[in-house]
Protein backbone atom coordinates (compact mmCIF):
# COMPACT_ATOMS: atom_id res chain seq x y z
CA MET A 1 4.00 8.97 33.02
CA LYS A 2 4.51 12.69 32.32
CA GLN A 3 6.06 13.22 35.65
CA ILE A 4 8.86 10.59 35.29
CA LEU A 5 9.85 11.26 31.62
CA SER A 6 12.77 13.58 32.39
CA SER A 7 14.09 11.18 34.99
CA GLY A 8 15.59 8.97 32.33
CA ARG A 9 14.23 6.21 30.16
CA PRO A 10 10.66 5.66 31.51
CA ASP A 11 9.65 2.06 31.90
CA ALA A 12 6.60 0.23 33.22
CA ALA A 13 8.18 -0.50 36.57
CA SER A 14 8.81 3.24 37.32
CA VAL A 15 5.31 4.21 36.23
CA ALA A 16 3.80 1.44 38.25
CA ARG A 17 5.80 2.50 41.32
CA GLU A 18 4.69 6.13 40.84
CA LEU A 19 1.05 4.97 40.76
CA GLY A 20 1.41 2.62 43.65
CA LEU A 21 0.67 -0.46 41.48
CA GLY A 22 2.52 -3.64 40.66
CA VAL A 23 3.98 -3.86 37.22
CA ARG A 24 1.63 -6.71 36.21
CA THR A 25 -1.42 -4.81 37.41
CA LEU A 26 -0.37 -1.77 35.38
CA GLN A 27 0.28 -3.89 32.28
CA ARG A 28 -3.10 -5.65 32.65
CA ARG A 29 -4.98 -2.34 33.02
CA ILE A 30 -3.22 -0.96 29.95
CA MET A 31 -4.02 -4.11 27.97
CA ASP A 32 -7.65 -4.01 29.13
CA GLU A 33 -7.84 -0.54 27.43
CA GLY A 34 -6.47 -2.10 24.24
CA HIS A 35 -3.06 -0.52 24.36
CA SER A 36 0.59 -1.34 25.26
CA PHE A 37 2.95 0.55 27.47
CA ARG A 38 5.03 1.45 24.45
CA GLU A 39 2.01 2.95 22.62
CA LEU A 40 1.05 5.00 25.68
CA LEU A 41 4.56 6.25 26.09
CA ALA A 42 4.74 7.29 22.47
CA GLU A 43 1.35 9.02 22.74
CA VAL A 44 2.48 11.02 25.83
CA ARG A 45 5.74 11.92 24.27
CA GLN A 46 4.07 13.04 21.03
CA GLY A 47 1.56 15.25 22.85
CA LEU A 48 4.08 16.83 25.13
CA GLY A 49 6.65 17.26 22.35
CA THR A 50 4.21 19.25 20.30
CA ALA A 51 3.25 21.27 23.30
CA TYR A 52 6.84 21.96 24.13
CA LEU A 53 7.61 22.88 20.55
CA ASN A 54 4.90 25.57 20.85
CA GLU A 55 7.03 27.27 23.49
CA PRO A 56 9.46 29.51 21.63
CA ASP A 57 11.91 29.76 24.50
CA MET A 58 12.46 25.94 24.81
CA GLN A 59 15.45 24.53 22.99
CA ILE A 60 15.07 21.24 21.13
CA GLN A 61 17.80 19.70 23.26
CA GLU A 62 15.78 20.63 26.43
CA ILE A 63 12.58 19.14 24.91
CA ALA A 64 14.48 15.86 24.17
CA PHE A 65 15.64 15.74 27.78
CA LEU A 66 12.20 16.52 29.23
CA LEU A 67 10.71 13.69 27.08
CA GLY A 68 13.17 11.19 28.45
CA TYR A 69 15.25 10.65 25.35
CA GLU A 70 18.95 9.80 25.75
CA ASP A 71 20.06 12.31 23.19
CA VAL A 72 18.68 14.73 20.58
CA THR A 73 19.38 12.28 17.77
CA SER A 74 17.01 9.68 19.41
CA PHE A 75 14.39 12.44 19.85
CA TYR A 76 14.68 13.44 16.18
CA ARG A 77 14.43 9.84 14.99
CA ALA A 78 11.42 9.14 17.12
CA PHE A 79 9.69 12.38 16.27
CA ARG A 80 10.20 11.83 12.56
CA ALA A 81 8.69 8.31 12.83
CA MET A 82 5.62 9.70 14.74
CA GLU A 83 5.08 12.98 12.88
CA GLY A 84 6.72 12.44 9.50
CA THR A 85 8.83 15.64 9.98
CA THR A 86 11.55 16.90 12.14
CA PRO A 87 10.98 18.86 15.43
CA ALA A 88 12.46 21.94 13.84
CA LEU A 89 10.12 21.87 10.84
CA LYS A 90 7.10 21.07 13.07
CA ARG A 91 8.00 24.13 15.22
CA ILE A 92 8.07 26.34 12.18
CA HIS A 93 4.69 24.90 11.01
CA LEU A 94 3.18 25.49 14.46
CA PHE A 95 4.27 29.11 14.49
CA GLU A 96 2.94 29.73 10.99
CA GLN A 97 -0.45 28.49 12.23
CA SER A 98 -0.42 30.95 15.13
């Protein structure tokens, strides 16, 4: 999933294709683990987003692109929903912890 994020809006079909699986097989395996594709996508984006924010040379626009968001506004909205803060404030907090 991480590999295809920046190629656009990642979906189950593109992830299944990358793994050499059928979409139904991928969905069944994800469900067997008690998750949904959307949950896994959000989890991957959250983890990578935090890691990217730790990189001082990466611009927030670049991070949004690498995570597969259509624009920076979509990234901000999703990040705020997941983290309860903006990417810029999270970045400041991460650097304060270092």
